[in-house]
Amino acid sequence: MGKGDKKTKRGKIVNGTYGVSRPRKGNKSSAKTQKTKSDK
């Protein structure tokens, strides 16, 4: 488990790839709320 392991965060950083262990926008799992406009 280290630089050569494709399933770890360090391995993803070394390979320059993204995945479950290294998401693109961090590990914050917050639900985005969408504002909807009502016509009436």
N, C-alpha and C. Protein backbone atom coordinates (compact mmCIF):
# COMPACT_ATOMS: atom_id res chain seq x y z
N MET A 1 0.84 -1.18 0.00
CA MET A 1 0.00 0.00 0.00
C MET A 1 0.89 1.25 0.00
N GLY A 2 0.93 1.89 -1.10
CA GLY A 2 1.77 3.07 -1.17
C GLY A 2 1.67 3.74 -2.51
N LYS A 3 2.82 4.17 -2.99
CA LYS A 3 2.86 4.94 -4.24
C LYS A 3 2.42 4.15 -5.46
N GLY A 4 2.61 2.85 -5.46
CA GLY A 4 2.24 2.05 -6.62
C GLY A 4 0.82 1.52 -6.58
N ASP A 5 0.17 1.67 -5.42
CA ASP A 5 -1.17 1.11 -5.26
C ASP A 5 -2.21 2.05 -5.85
N LYS A 6 -2.96 1.57 -6.82
CA LYS A 6 -3.93 2.40 -7.52
C LYS A 6 -5.20 2.66 -6.70
N LYS A 7 -5.37 1.93 -5.60
CA LYS A 7 -6.59 2.08 -4.80
C LYS A 7 -6.44 3.03 -3.62
N THR A 8 -5.22 3.53 -3.38
CA THR A 8 -5.00 4.43 -2.26
C THR A 8 -4.89 5.88 -2.73
N LYS A 9 -5.06 6.79 -1.80
CA LYS A 9 -4.98 8.21 -2.14
C LYS A 9 -3.59 8.58 -2.64
N ARG A 10 -2.56 8.05 -2.00
CA ARG A 10 -1.18 8.35 -2.42
C ARG A 10 -0.91 7.79 -3.82
N GLY A 11 -1.43 6.61 -4.11
CA GLY A 11 -1.26 6.04 -5.44
C GLY A 11 -1.96 6.86 -6.50
N LYS A 12 -3.12 7.42 -6.16
CA LYS A 12 -3.85 8.27 -7.11
C LYS A 12 -3.07 9.56 -7.37
N ILE A 13 -2.46 10.12 -6.33
CA ILE A 13 -1.68 11.35 -6.49
C ILE A 13 -0.48 11.09 -7.38
N VAL A 14 0.21 9.97 -7.17
CA VAL A 14 1.39 9.64 -7.96
C VAL A 14 1.01 9.41 -9.42
N ASN A 15 -0.10 8.69 -9.64
CA ASN A 15 -0.53 8.40 -11.01
C ASN A 15 -1.21 9.58 -11.68
N GLY A 16 -1.65 10.54 -10.88
CA GLY A 16 -2.34 11.71 -11.43
C GLY A 16 -3.77 11.43 -11.85
N THR A 17 -4.40 10.47 -11.16
CA THR A 17 -5.77 10.10 -11.49
C THR A 17 -6.69 10.40 -10.32
N TYR A 18 -7.99 10.26 -10.57
CA TYR A 18 -8.99 10.50 -9.53
C TYR A 18 -9.85 9.25 -9.39
N GLY A 19 -10.57 9.17 -8.29
CA GLY A 19 -11.44 8.02 -8.05
C GLY A 19 -12.15 8.15 -6.73
N VAL A 20 -12.57 7.01 -6.17
CA VAL A 20 -13.32 7.01 -4.92
C VAL A 20 -12.44 7.50 -3.77
N SER A 21 -11.20 7.05 -3.74
CA SER A 21 -10.30 7.42 -2.64
C SER A 21 -9.72 8.82 -2.82
N ARG A 22 -9.83 9.39 -4.03
CA ARG A 22 -9.34 10.75 -4.27
C ARG A 22 -10.34 11.49 -5.16
N PRO A 23 -11.39 12.01 -4.57
CA PRO A 23 -12.37 12.76 -5.36
C PRO A 23 -11.81 14.08 -5.83
N ARG A 24 -12.39 14.65 -6.86
CA ARG A 24 -11.87 15.87 -7.47
C ARG A 24 -12.04 17.11 -6.59
N LYS A 25 -13.15 17.22 -5.90
CA LYS A 25 -13.41 18.43 -5.10
C LYS A 25 -13.39 18.15 -3.61
N GLY A 26 -12.53 17.30 -3.16
CA GLY A 26 -12.41 17.05 -1.73
C GLY A 26 -13.39 16.02 -1.23
N ASN A 27 -13.38 15.80 0.08
CA ASN A 27 -14.21 14.77 0.69
C ASN A 27 -15.48 15.32 1.31
N LYS A 28 -15.78 16.57 1.10
CA LYS A 28 -16.99 17.15 1.67
C LYS A 28 -18.21 16.63 0.92
N SER A 29 -19.09 15.96 1.64
CA SER A 29 -20.29 15.41 1.01
C SER A 29 -21.49 16.24 1.44
N SER A 30 -21.65 17.39 0.83
CA SER A 30 -22.77 18.25 1.15
C SER A 30 -23.71 18.29 -0.04
N ALA A 31 -24.98 18.20 0.26
CA ALA A 31 -25.99 18.22 -0.81
C ALA A 31 -26.19 19.64 -1.27
N LYS A 32 -26.12 19.82 -2.57
CA LYS A 32 -26.34 21.15 -3.13
C LYS A 32 -27.83 21.41 -3.22
N THR A 33 -28.25 22.56 -2.76
CA THR A 33 -29.66 22.90 -2.84
C THR A 33 -29.89 23.77 -4.06
N GLN A 34 -30.92 23.44 -4.79
CA GLN A 34 -31.24 24.19 -6.00
C GLN A 34 -32.46 25.04 -5.73
N LYS A 35 -32.37 26.30 -6.10
CA LYS A 35 -33.50 27.20 -5.93
C LYS A 35 -34.38 27.11 -7.18
N THR A 36 -35.64 26.93 -6.94
CA THR A 36 -36.58 26.86 -8.07
C THR A 36 -37.46 28.09 -8.06
N LYS A 37 -37.70 28.62 -9.24
CA LYS A 37 -38.55 29.80 -9.39
C LYS A 37 -39.98 29.37 -9.64
N SER A 38 -40.89 29.93 -8.90
CA SER A 38 -42.30 29.62 -9.13
C SER A 38 -42.92 30.78 -9.90
N ASP A 39 -43.66 30.45 -10.97
CA ASP A 39 -44.26 31.47 -11.82
C ASP A 39 -45.51 32.06 -11.21
N LYS A 40 -46.15 31.33 -10.33
CA LYS A 40 -47.42 31.81 -9.77
C LYS A 40 -47.23 32.45 -8.42
